[in-house]
PDB file of all heavy atoms in Angstrom:
ATOM      1  N   LEU A   1       0.821  -1.210   0.000  1.00  0.00           N
ATOM      2  CA  LEU A   1       0.000   0.000   0.000  1.00  0.00           C
ATOM      3  C   LEU A   1       0.849   1.251   0.000  1.00  0.00           C
ATOM      4  O   LEU A   1       0.610   2.188  -0.777  1.00  0.00           O
ATOM      5  CB  LEU A   1      -0.932  -0.026   1.222  1.00  0.00           C
ATOM      6  CG  LEU A   1      -1.854   1.180   1.404  1.00  0.00           C
ATOM      7  CD1 LEU A   1      -2.805   1.305   0.218  1.00  0.00           C
ATOM      8  CD2 LEU A   1      -2.635   1.069   2.701  1.00  0.00           C
ATOM      9  N   VAL A   2       1.866   1.288   0.845  1.00  0.00           N
ATOM     10  CA  VAL A   2       2.719   2.474   0.938  1.00  0.00           C
ATOM     11  C   VAL A   2       3.512   2.678  -0.346  1.00  0.00           C
ATOM     12  O   VAL A   2       3.645   3.807  -0.834  1.00  0.00           O
ATOM     13  CB  VAL A   2       3.648   2.353   2.157  1.00  0.00           C
ATOM     14  CG1 VAL A   2       4.706   3.454   2.137  1.00  0.00           C
ATOM     15  CG2 VAL A   2       2.854   2.428   3.446  1.00  0.00           C
ATOM     16  N   PHE A   3       4.044   1.609  -0.921  1.00  0.00           N
ATOM     17  CA  PHE A   3       4.834   1.746  -2.149  1.00  0.00           C
ATOM     18  C   PHE A   3       3.985   2.301  -3.290  1.00  0.00           C
ATOM     19  O   PHE A   3       4.425   3.192  -4.032  1.00  0.00           O
ATOM     20  CB  PHE A   3       5.421   0.394  -2.537  1.00  0.00           C
ATOM     21  CG  PHE A   3       6.300   0.447  -3.756  1.00  0.00           C
ATOM     22  CD1 PHE A   3       7.651   0.731  -3.641  1.00  0.00           C
ATOM     23  CD2 PHE A   3       5.778   0.222  -5.021  1.00  0.00           C
ATOM     24  CE1 PHE A   3       8.462   0.796  -4.759  1.00  0.00           C
ATOM     25  CE2 PHE A   3       6.573   0.281  -6.144  1.00  0.00           C
ATOM     26  CZ  PHE A   3       7.925   0.571  -6.021  1.00  0.00           C
ATOM     27  N   ILE A   4       2.771   1.775  -3.444  1.00  0.00           N
ATOM     28  CA  ILE A   4       1.916   2.227  -4.539  1.00  0.00           C
ATOM     29  C   ILE A   4       1.526   3.689  -4.356  1.00  0.00           C
ATOM     30  O   ILE A   4       1.556   4.485  -5.310  1.00  0.00           O
ATOM     31  CB  ILE A   4       0.674   1.326  -4.634  1.00  0.00           C
ATOM     32  CG1 ILE A   4       1.083  -0.065  -5.120  1.00  0.00           C
ATOM     33  CG2 ILE A   4      -0.364   1.920  -5.568  1.00  0.00           C
ATOM     34  CD1 ILE A   4      -0.055  -1.052  -5.133  1.00  0.00           C
ATOM     35  N   LEU A   5       1.154   4.067  -3.134  1.00  0.00           N
ATOM     36  CA  LEU A   5       0.791   5.459  -2.882  1.00  0.00           C
ATOM     37  C   LEU A   5       1.982   6.391  -3.051  1.00  0.00           C
ATOM     38  O   LEU A   5       1.851   7.488  -3.613  1.00  0.00           O
ATOM     39  CB  LEU A   5       0.206   5.593  -1.475  1.00  0.00           C
ATOM     40  CG  LEU A   5      -1.146   4.916  -1.228  1.00  0.00           C
ATOM     41  CD1 LEU A   5      -1.551   5.060   0.238  1.00  0.00           C
ATOM     42  CD2 LEU A   5      -2.223   5.514  -2.123  1.00  0.00           C
ATOM     43  N   ALA A   6       3.149   5.964  -2.585  1.00  0.00           N
ATOM     44  CA  ALA A   6       4.331   6.809  -2.682  1.00  0.00           C
ATOM     45  C   ALA A   6       4.786   6.983  -4.127  1.00  0.00           C
ATOM     46  O   ALA A   6       5.286   8.051  -4.503  1.00  0.00           O
ATOM     47  CB  ALA A   6       5.463   6.225  -1.833  1.00  0.00           C
ATOM     48  N   ALA A   7       4.620   5.950  -4.937  1.00  0.00           N
ATOM     49  CA  ALA A   7       5.063   6.044  -6.332  1.00  0.00           C
ATOM     50  C   ALA A   7       4.277   7.082  -7.121  1.00  0.00           C
ATOM     51  O   ALA A   7       4.805   7.672  -8.075  1.00  0.00           O
ATOM     52  CB  ALA A   7       4.942   4.675  -7.003  1.00  0.00           C
ATOM     53  N   GLY A   8       3.041   7.325  -6.750  1.00  0.00           N
ATOM     54  CA  GLY A   8       2.220   8.299  -7.463  1.00  0.00           C
ATOM     55  C   GLY A   8       2.066   9.621  -6.744  1.00  0.00           C
ATOM     56  O   GLY A   8       1.187  10.416  -7.101  1.00  0.00           O
ATOM     57  N   PHE A   9       2.919   9.889  -5.747  1.00  0.00           N
ATOM     58  CA  PHE A   9       2.778  11.112  -4.961  1.00  0.00           C
ATOM     59  C   PHE A   9       3.245  12.327  -5.747  1.00  0.00           C
ATOM     60  O   PHE A   9       4.194  12.260  -6.531  1.00  0.00           O
ATOM     61  CB  PHE A   9       3.573  10.977  -3.661  1.00  0.00           C
ATOM     62  CG  PHE A   9       2.732  11.244  -2.451  1.00  0.00           C
ATOM     63  CD1 PHE A   9       1.594  10.511  -2.218  1.00  0.00           C
ATOM     64  CD2 PHE A   9       3.068  12.241  -1.558  1.00  0.00           C
ATOM     65  CE1 PHE A   9       0.814  10.749  -1.110  1.00  0.00           C
ATOM     66  CE2 PHE A   9       2.296  12.483  -0.442  1.00  0.00           C
ATOM     67  CZ  PHE A   9       1.167  11.739  -0.217  1.00  0.00           C
ATOM     68  N   TYR A  10       2.590  13.474  -5.483  1.00  0.00           N
ATOM     69  CA  TYR A  10       2.908  14.693  -6.213  1.00  0.00           C
ATOM     70  C   TYR A  10       3.200  15.878  -5.290  1.00  0.00           C
ATOM     71  O   TYR A  10       4.204  16.564  -5.446  1.00  0.00           O
ATOM     72  CB  TYR A  10       1.768  15.065  -7.156  1.00  0.00           C
ATOM     73  CG  TYR A  10       1.918  16.431  -7.777  1.00  0.00           C
ATOM     74  CD1 TYR A  10       2.866  16.659  -8.769  1.00  0.00           C
ATOM     75  CD2 TYR A  10       1.127  17.504  -7.368  1.00  0.00           C
ATOM     76  CE1 TYR A  10       3.030  17.923  -9.330  1.00  0.00           C
ATOM     77  CE2 TYR A  10       1.271  18.756  -7.927  1.00  0.00           C
ATOM     78  CZ  TYR A  10       2.226  18.966  -8.905  1.00  0.00           C
ATOM     79  OH  TYR A  10       2.387  20.204  -9.471  1.00  0.00           O
ATOM     80  N   ILE A  11       2.337  16.117  -4.292  1.00  0.00           N
ATOM     81  CA  ILE A  11       2.426  17.339  -3.498  1.00  0.00           C
ATOM     82  C   ILE A  11       3.719  17.399  -2.699  1.00  0.00           C
ATOM     83  O   ILE A  11       4.460  18.389  -2.759  1.00  0.00           O
ATOM     84  CB  ILE A  11       1.198  17.451  -2.565  1.00  0.00           C
ATOM     85  CG1 ILE A  11      -0.075  17.619  -3.395  1.00  0.00           C
ATOM     86  CG2 ILE A  11       1.365  18.620  -1.606  1.00  0.00           C
ATOM     87  CD1 ILE A  11      -1.332  17.701  -2.567  1.00  0.00           C
ATOM     88  N   THR A  12       4.003  16.364  -1.930  1.00  0.00           N
ATOM     89  CA  THR A  12       5.186  16.389  -1.060  1.00  0.00           C
ATOM     90  C   THR A  12       6.491  16.488  -1.851  1.00  0.00           C
ATOM     91  O   THR A  12       7.352  17.313  -1.519  1.00  0.00           O
ATOM     92  CB  THR A  12       5.197  15.156  -0.141  1.00  0.00           C
ATOM     93  OG1 THR A  12       3.984  15.123   0.619  1.00  0.00           O
ATOM     94  CG2 THR A  12       6.375  15.202   0.804  1.00  0.00           C
ATOM     95  N   PRO A  13       6.714  15.677  -2.892  1.00  0.00           N
ATOM     96  CA  PRO A  13       7.958  15.851  -3.669  1.00  0.00           C
ATOM     97  C   PRO A  13       8.048  17.222  -4.319  1.00  0.00           C
ATOM     98  O   PRO A  13       9.144  17.792  -4.431  1.00  0.00           O
ATOM     99  CB  PRO A  13       7.882  14.731  -4.720  1.00  0.00           C
ATOM    100  CG  PRO A  13       6.973  13.723  -4.129  1.00  0.00           C
ATOM    101  CD  PRO A  13       5.966  14.494  -3.346  1.00  0.00           C
ATOM    102  N   ARG A  14       6.912  17.757  -4.753  1.00  0.00           N
ATOM    103  CA  ARG A  14       6.930  19.054  -5.440  1.00  0.00           C
ATOM    104  C   ARG A  14       7.298  20.182  -4.485  1.00  0.00           C
ATOM    105  O   ARG A  14       8.000  21.132  -4.874  1.00  0.00           O
ATOM    106  CB  ARG A  14       5.554  19.333  -6.052  1.00  0.00           C
ATOM    107  CG  ARG A  14       5.505  20.559  -6.941  1.00  0.00           C
ATOM    108  CD  ARG A  14       6.296  20.334  -8.212  1.00  0.00           C
ATOM    109  NE  ARG A  14       6.288  21.503  -9.070  1.00  0.00           N
ATOM    110  CZ  ARG A  14       7.156  22.511  -8.975  1.00  0.00           C
ATOM    111  NH1 ARG A  14       8.117  22.481  -8.060  1.00  0.00           N
ATOM    112  NH2 ARG A  14       7.094  23.537  -9.783  1.00  0.00           N
ATOM    113  N   LEU A  15       6.837  20.119  -3.235  1.00  0.00           N
ATOM    114  CA  LEU A  15       7.047  21.212  -2.294  1.00  0.00           C
ATOM    115  C   LEU A  15       8.289  21.037  -1.438  1.00  0.00           C
ATOM    116  O   LEU A  15       8.946  22.025  -1.101  1.00  0.00           O
ATOM    117  CB  LEU A  15       5.816  21.358  -1.389  1.00  0.00           C
ATOM    118  CG  LEU A  15       4.506  21.766  -2.060  1.00  0.00           C
ATOM    119  CD1 LEU A  15       3.383  21.835  -1.047  1.00  0.00           C
ATOM    120  CD2 LEU A  15       4.655  23.103  -2.785  1.00  0.00           C
ATOM    121  N   MET A  16       8.620  19.816  -1.057  1.00  0.00           N
ATOM    122  CA  MET A  16       9.707  19.592  -0.104  1.00  0.00           C
ATOM    123  C   MET A  16      10.964  19.014  -0.748  1.00  0.00           C
ATOM    124  O   MET A  16      12.027  19.032  -0.133  1.00  0.00           O
ATOM    125  CB  MET A  16       9.231  18.658   1.018  1.00  0.00           C
ATOM    126  CG  MET A  16       8.080  19.219   1.826  1.00  0.00           C
ATOM    127  SD  MET A  16       7.637  18.184   3.245  1.00  0.00           S
ATOM    128  CE  MET A  16       9.115  18.331   4.239  1.00  0.00           C
ATOM    129  N   GLY A  17      10.854  18.463  -1.948  1.00  0.00           N
ATOM    130  CA  GLY A  17      12.006  17.882  -2.615  1.00  0.00           C
ATOM    131  C   GLY A  17      12.780  18.907  -3.412  1.00  0.00           C
ATOM    132  O   GLY A  17      12.302  19.999  -3.723  1.00  0.00           O
ATOM    133  N   GLY A  18      14.002  18.553  -3.763  1.00  0.00           N
ATOM    134  CA  GLY A  18      14.818  19.424  -4.588  1.00  0.00           C
ATOM    135  C   GLY A  18      14.522  19.235  -6.068  1.00  0.00           C
ATOM    136  O   GLY A  18      13.655  18.433  -6.464  1.00  0.00           O
ATOM    137  N   ASP A  19      15.232  19.970  -6.899  1.00  0.00           N
ATOM    138  CA  ASP A  19      15.017  19.870  -8.343  1.00  0.00           C
ATOM    139  C   ASP A  19      15.394  18.489  -8.873  1.00  0.00           C
ATOM    140  O   ASP A  19      14.851  18.044  -9.884  1.00  0.00           O
ATOM    141  CB  ASP A  19      15.845  20.944  -9.059  1.00  0.00           C
ATOM    142  CG  ASP A  19      15.351  22.348  -8.731  1.00  0.00           C
ATOM    143  OD1 ASP A  19      14.159  22.484  -8.380  1.00  0.00           O
ATOM    144  OD2 ASP A  19      16.159  23.294  -8.807  1.00  0.00           O
ATOM    145  N   ARG A  20      16.301  17.804  -8.203  1.00  0.00           N
ATOM    146  CA  ARG A  20      16.744  16.485  -8.645  1.00  0.00           C
ATOM    147  C   ARG A  20      15.950  15.353  -7.990  1.00  0.00           C
ATOM    148  O   ARG A  20      16.291  14.191  -8.159  1.00  0.00           O
ATOM    149  CB  ARG A  20      18.236  16.304  -8.347  1.00  0.00           C
ATOM    150  CG  ARG A  20      19.128  17.312  -9.047  1.00  0.00           C
ATOM    151  CD  ARG A  20      20.588  17.081  -8.698  1.00  0.00           C
ATOM    152  NE  ARG A  20      21.035  15.763  -9.116  1.00  0.00           N
ATOM    153  CZ  ARG A  20      21.472  15.463 -10.346  1.00  0.00           C
ATOM    154  NH1 ARG A  20      21.514  16.414 -11.273  1.00  0.00           N
ATOM    155  NH2 ARG A  20      21.855  14.239 -10.641  1.00  0.00           N
ATOM    156  N   ASP A  21      14.922  15.698  -7.241  1.00  0.00           N
ATOM    157  CA  ASP A  21      14.125  14.698  -6.542  1.00  0.00           C
ATOM    158  C   ASP A  21      12.664  14.689  -7.004  1.00  0.00           C
ATOM    159  O   ASP A  21      11.779  14.246  -6.266  1.00  0.00           O
ATOM    160  CB  ASP A  21      14.164  14.945  -5.027  1.00  0.00           C
ATOM    161  CG  ASP A  21      15.548  14.737  -4.450  1.00  0.00           C
ATOM    162  OD1 ASP A  21      16.215  13.766  -4.857  1.00  0.00           O
ATOM    163  OD2 ASP A  21      15.966  15.551  -3.606  1.00  0.00           O
ATOM    164  N   GLN A  22      12.404  15.188  -8.197  1.00  0.00           N
ATOM    165  CA  GLN A  22      11.043  15.194  -8.713  1.00  0.00           C
ATOM    166  C   GLN A  22      10.702  13.821  -9.297  1.00  0.00           C
ATOM    167  O   GLN A  22      11.528  13.185  -9.948  1.00  0.00           O
ATOM    168  CB  GLN A  22      10.884  16.280  -9.773  1.00  0.00           C
ATOM    169  CG  GLN A  22      11.110  17.684  -9.232  1.00  0.00           C
ATOM    170  CD  GLN A  22      10.209  18.007  -8.050  1.00  0.00           C
ATOM    171  OE1 GLN A  22       8.996  17.814  -8.105  1.00  0.00           O
ATOM    172  NE2 GLN A  22      10.804  18.505  -6.975  1.00  0.00           N
ATOM    173  N   MET A  23       9.462  13.400  -9.079  1.00  0.00           N
ATOM    174  CA  MET A  23       9.034  12.064  -9.459  1.00  0.00           C
ATOM    175  C   MET A  23       8.163  12.114 -10.708  1.00  0.00           C
ATOM    176  O   MET A  23       7.915  13.178 -11.282  1.00  0.00           O
ATOM    177  CB  MET A  23       8.297  11.410  -8.281  1.00  0.00           C
ATOM    178  CG  MET A  23       9.163  11.338  -7.020  1.00  0.00           C
ATOM    179  SD  MET A  23       8.256  10.885  -5.533  1.00  0.00           S
ATOM    180  CE  MET A  23       7.762   9.210  -5.932  1.00  0.00           C
ATOM    181  N   LEU A  24       7.669  10.932 -11.122  1.00  0.00           N
ATOM    182  CA  LEU A  24       6.894  10.851 -12.362  1.00  0.00           C
ATOM    183  C   LEU A  24       5.635  11.707 -12.319  1.00  0.00           C
ATOM    184  O   LEU A  24       5.223  12.251 -13.341  1.00  0.00           O
ATOM    185  CB  LEU A  24       6.511   9.387 -12.635  1.00  0.00           C
ATOM    186  CG  LEU A  24       7.584   8.499 -13.270  1.00  0.00           C
ATOM    187  CD1 LEU A  24       7.040   7.102 -13.482  1.00  0.00           C
ATOM    188  CD2 LEU A  24       8.075   9.087 -14.586  1.00  0.00           C
ATOM    189  N   ALA A  25       5.016  11.822 -11.153  1.00  0.00           N
ATOM    190  CA  ALA A  25       3.801  12.631 -11.055  1.00  0.00           C
ATOM    191  C   ALA A  25       4.077  14.091 -11.402  1.00  0.00           C
ATOM    192  O   ALA A  25       3.225  14.761 -12.018  1.00  0.00           O
ATOM    193  CB  ALA A  25       3.213  12.517  -9.650  1.00  0.00           C
ATOM    194  N   SER A  26       5.257  14.584 -11.040  1.00  0.00           N
ATOM    195  CA  SER A  26       5.615  15.960 -11.397  1.00  0.00           C
ATOM    196  C   SER A  26       5.798  16.108 -12.899  1.00  0.00           C
ATOM    197  O   SER A  26       5.420  17.141 -13.478  1.00  0.00           O
ATOM    198  CB  SER A  26       6.900  16.363 -10.662  1.00  0.00           C
ATOM    199  OG  SER A  26       6.734  16.292  -9.268  1.00  0.00           O
ATOM    200  N   ILE A  27       6.362  15.105 -13.543  1.00  0.00           N
ATOM    201  CA  ILE A  27       6.524  15.142 -15.000  1.00  0.00           C
ATOM    202  C   ILE A  27       5.155  15.130 -15.690  1.00  0.00           C
ATOM    203  O   ILE A  27       4.926  15.851 -16.665  1.00  0.00           O
ATOM    204  CB  ILE A  27       7.383  13.960 -15.481  1.00  0.00           C
ATOM    205  CG1 ILE A  27       8.744  13.971 -14.775  1.00  0.00           C
ATOM    206  CG2 ILE A  27       7.567  14.001 -16.989  1.00  0.00           C
ATOM    207  CD1 ILE A  27       9.569  15.192 -15.063  1.00  0.00           C
ATOM    208  N   ILE A  28       4.252  14.322 -15.185  1.00  0.00           N
ATOM    209  CA  ILE A  28       2.894  14.268 -15.751  1.00  0.00           C
ATOM    210  C   ILE A  28       2.215  15.622 -15.615  1.00  0.00           C
ATOM    211  O   ILE A  28       1.593  16.127 -16.566  1.00  0.00           O
ATOM    212  CB  ILE A  28       2.073  13.164 -15.061  1.00  0.00           C
ATOM    213  CG1 ILE A  28       2.675  11.791 -15.365  1.00  0.00           C
ATOM    214  CG2 ILE A  28       0.620  13.211 -15.512  1.00  0.00           C
ATOM    215  CD1 ILE A  28       2.009  10.659 -14.614  1.00  0.00           C
ATOM    216  N   ALA A  29       2.317  16.232 -14.420  1.00  0.00           N
ATOM    217  CA  ALA A  29       1.689  17.543 -14.207  1.00  0.00           C
ATOM    218  C   ALA A  29       2.296  18.602 -15.129  1.00  0.00           C
ATOM    219  O   ALA A  29       1.574  19.457 -15.662  1.00  0.00           O
ATOM    220  CB  ALA A  29       1.844  17.956 -12.749  1.00  0.00           C
ATOM    221  N   TYR A  30       3.596  18.549 -15.347  1.00  0.00           N
ATOM    222  CA  TYR A  30       4.257  19.522 -16.225  1.00  0.00           C
ATOM    223  C   TYR A  30       3.805  19.341 -17.674  1.00  0.00           C
ATOM    224  O   TYR A  30       3.557  20.327 -18.388  1.00  0.00           O
ATOM    225  CB  TYR A  30       5.770  19.363 -16.119  1.00  0.00           C
ATOM    226  CG  TYR A  30       6.550  20.326 -16.985  1.00  0.00           C
ATOM    227  CD1 TYR A  30       6.725  21.645 -16.582  1.00  0.00           C
ATOM    228  CD2 TYR A  30       7.096  19.925 -18.198  1.00  0.00           C
ATOM    229  CE1 TYR A  30       7.436  22.539 -17.376  1.00  0.00           C
ATOM    230  CE2 TYR A  30       7.803  20.809 -18.997  1.00  0.00           C
ATOM    231  CZ  TYR A  30       7.964  22.114 -18.578  1.00  0.00           C
ATOM    232  OH  TYR A  30       8.652  23.001 -19.369  1.00  0.00           O
ATOM    233  N   GLN A  31       3.691  18.103 -18.116  1.00  0.00           N
ATOM    234  CA  GLN A  31       3.254  17.848 -19.491  1.00  0.00           C
ATOM    235  C   GLN A  31       1.812  18.311 -19.715  1.00  0.00           C
ATOM    236  O   GLN A  31       1.472  18.788 -20.807  1.00  0.00           O
ATOM    237  CB  GLN A  31       3.358  16.349 -19.799  1.00  0.00           C
ATOM    238  CG  GLN A  31       4.772  15.806 -19.829  1.00  0.00           C
ATOM    239  CD  GLN A  31       5.580  16.330 -21.008  1.00  0.00           C
ATOM    240  OE1 GLN A  31       5.030  16.599 -22.076  1.00  0.00           O
ATOM    241  NE2 GLN A  31       6.889  16.471 -20.812  1.00  0.00           N
ATOM    242  N   VAL A  32       0.968  18.207 -18.692  1.00  0.00           N
ATOM    243  CA  VAL A  32      -0.438  18.593 -18.840  1.00  0.00           C
ATOM    244  C   VAL A  32      -0.631  20.095 -18.664  1.00  0.00           C
ATOM    245  O   VAL A  32      -1.289  20.746 -19.488  1.00  0.00           O
ATOM    246  CB  VAL A  32      -1.305  17.809 -17.833  1.00  0.00           C
ATOM    247  CG1 VAL A  32      -2.747  18.330 -17.834  1.00  0.00           C
ATOM    248  CG2 VAL A  32      -1.293  16.325 -18.163  1.00  0.00           C
ATOM    249  N   ASP A  33      -0.052  20.662 -17.592  1.00  0.00           N
ATOM    250  CA  ASP A  33      -0.320  22.064 -17.260  1.00  0.00           C
ATOM    251  C   ASP A  33       0.459  23.048 -18.117  1.00  0.00           C
ATOM    252  O   ASP A  33      -0.052  24.124 -18.449  1.00  0.00           O
ATOM    253  CB  ASP A  33       0.015  22.316 -15.779  1.00  0.00           C
ATOM    254  CG  ASP A  33      -0.870  21.517 -14.847  1.00  0.00           C
ATOM    255  OD1 ASP A  33      -1.985  21.143 -15.276  1.00  0.00           O
ATOM    256  OD2 ASP A  33      -0.452  21.261 -13.694  1.00  0.00           O
ATOM    257  N   VAL A  34       1.681  22.708 -18.486  1.00  0.00           N
ATOM    258  CA  VAL A  34       2.541  23.653 -19.189  1.00  0.00           C
ATOM    259  C   VAL A  34       2.589  23.370 -20.688  1.00  0.00           C
ATOM    260  O   VAL A  34       2.336  24.252 -21.514  1.00  0.00           O
ATOM    261  CB  VAL A  34       3.969  23.630 -18.593  1.00  0.00           C
ATOM    262  CG1 VAL A  34       4.882  24.603 -19.342  1.00  0.00           C
ATOM    263  CG2 VAL A  34       3.926  23.989 -17.110  1.00  0.00           C
ATOM    264  N   LEU A  35       2.900  22.126 -21.056  1.00  0.00           N
ATOM    265  CA  LEU A  35       3.073  21.783 -22.466  1.00  0.00           C
ATOM    266  C   LEU A  35       1.776  21.362 -23.146  1.00  0.00           C
ATOM    267  O   LEU A  35       1.731  21.267 -24.375  1.00  0.00           O
ATOM    268  CB  LEU A  35       4.111  20.660 -22.600  1.00  0.00           C
ATOM    269  CG  LEU A  35       5.509  20.977 -22.041  1.00  0.00           C
ATOM    270  CD1 LEU A  35       6.440  19.786 -22.253  1.00  0.00           C
ATOM    271  CD2 LEU A  35       6.078  22.237 -22.685  1.00  0.00           C
ATOM    272  N   LEU A  36       0.750  21.062 -22.375  1.00  0.00           N
ATOM    273  CA  LEU A  36      -0.544  20.598 -22.908  1.00  0.00           C
ATOM    274  C   LEU A  36      -0.372  19.357 -23.786  1.00  0.00           C
ATOM    275  O   LEU A  36      -1.118  19.153 -24.751  1.00  0.00           O
ATOM    276  CB  LEU A  36      -1.229  21.714 -23.701  1.00  0.00           C
ATOM    277  CG  LEU A  36      -1.543  23.004 -22.928  1.00  0.00           C
ATOM    278  CD1 LEU A  36      -2.193  24.022 -23.842  1.00  0.00           C
ATOM    279  CD2 LEU A  36      -2.427  22.714 -21.730  1.00  0.00           C
ATOM    280  N   ASN A  37       0.600  18.527 -23.438  1.00  0.00           N
ATOM    281  CA  ASN A  37       0.877  17.300 -24.195  1.00  0.00           C
ATOM    282  C   ASN A  37       0.175  16.141 -23.484  1.00  0.00           C
ATOM    283  O   ASN A  37       0.790  15.365 -22.745  1.00  0.00           O
ATOM    284  CB  ASN A  37       2.385  17.061 -24.278  1.00  0.00           C
ATOM    285  CG  ASN A  37       2.730  15.989 -25.292  1.00  0.00           C
ATOM    286  OD1 ASN A  37       1.855  15.274 -25.804  1.00  0.00           O
ATOM    287  ND2 ASN A  37       4.009  15.868 -25.609  1.00  0.00           N
ATOM    288  N   PHE A  38      -1.117  16.026 -23.704  1.00  0.00           N
ATOM    289  CA  PHE A  38      -1.923  15.041 -22.988  1.00  0.00           C
ATOM    290  C   PHE A  38      -1.572  13.609 -23.392  1.00  0.00           C
ATOM    291  O   PHE A  38      -1.659  12.698 -22.569  1.00  0.00           O
ATOM    292  CB  PHE A  38      -3.415  15.306 -23.240  1.00  0.00           C
ATOM    293  CG  PHE A  38      -3.895  16.619 -22.702  1.00  0.00           C
ATOM    294  CD1 PHE A  38      -4.004  17.721 -23.525  1.00  0.00           C
ATOM    295  CD2 PHE A  38      -4.212  16.752 -21.357  1.00  0.00           C
ATOM    296  CE1 PHE A  38      -4.446  18.940 -23.031  1.00  0.00           C
ATOM    297  CE2 PHE A  38      -4.661  17.961 -20.855  1.00  0.00           C
ATOM    298  CZ  PHE A  38      -4.775  19.071 -21.688  1.00  0.00           C
ATOM    299  N   ASN A  39      -1.191  13.417 -24.631  1.00  0.00           N
ATOM    300  CA  ASN A  39      -0.872  12.061 -25.097  1.00  0.00           C
ATOM    301  C   ASN A  39       0.388  11.529 -24.408  1.00  0.00           C
ATOM    302  O   ASN A  39       0.420  10.382 -23.949  1.00  0.00           O
ATOM    303  CB  ASN A  39      -0.698  12.052 -26.608  1.00  0.00           C
ATOM    304  CG  ASN A  39      -1.969  12.432 -27.335  1.00  0.00           C
ATOM    305  OD1 ASN A  39      -3.073  12.261 -26.812  1.00  0.00           O
ATOM    306  ND2 ASN A  39      -1.844  12.946 -28.548  1.00  0.00           N
ATOM    307  N   PHE A  40       1.425  12.357 -24.336  1.00  0.00           N
ATOM    308  CA  PHE A  40       2.650  11.928 -23.688  1.00  0.00           C
ATOM    309  C   PHE A  40       2.441  11.762 -22.181  1.00  0.00           C
ATOM    310  O   PHE A  40       2.972  10.832 -21.568  1.00  0.00           O
ATOM    311  CB  PHE A  40       3.764  12.936 -23.954  1.00  0.00           C
ATOM    312  CG  PHE A  40       5.110  12.509 -23.457  1.00  0.00           C
ATOM    313  CD1 PHE A  40       5.709  11.345 -23.931  1.00  0.00           C
ATOM    314  CD2 PHE A  40       5.781  13.256 -22.503  1.00  0.00           C
ATOM    315  CE1 PHE A  40       6.955  10.949 -23.465  1.00  0.00           C
ATOM    316  CE2 PHE A  40       7.021  12.868 -22.030  1.00  0.00           C
ATOM    317  CZ  PHE A  40       7.609  11.706 -22.514  1.00  0.00           C
TER     318      PHE A  40
END
């Protein structure tokens, strides 16, 4: 349960992590909010 939830986490890595500690959820948010690349 913890591994699955942690793998998809967005808020905590985005606010408390460094630039080199961003996870896949941050990449997804960037592709949707900034690049509007919904397919990727």
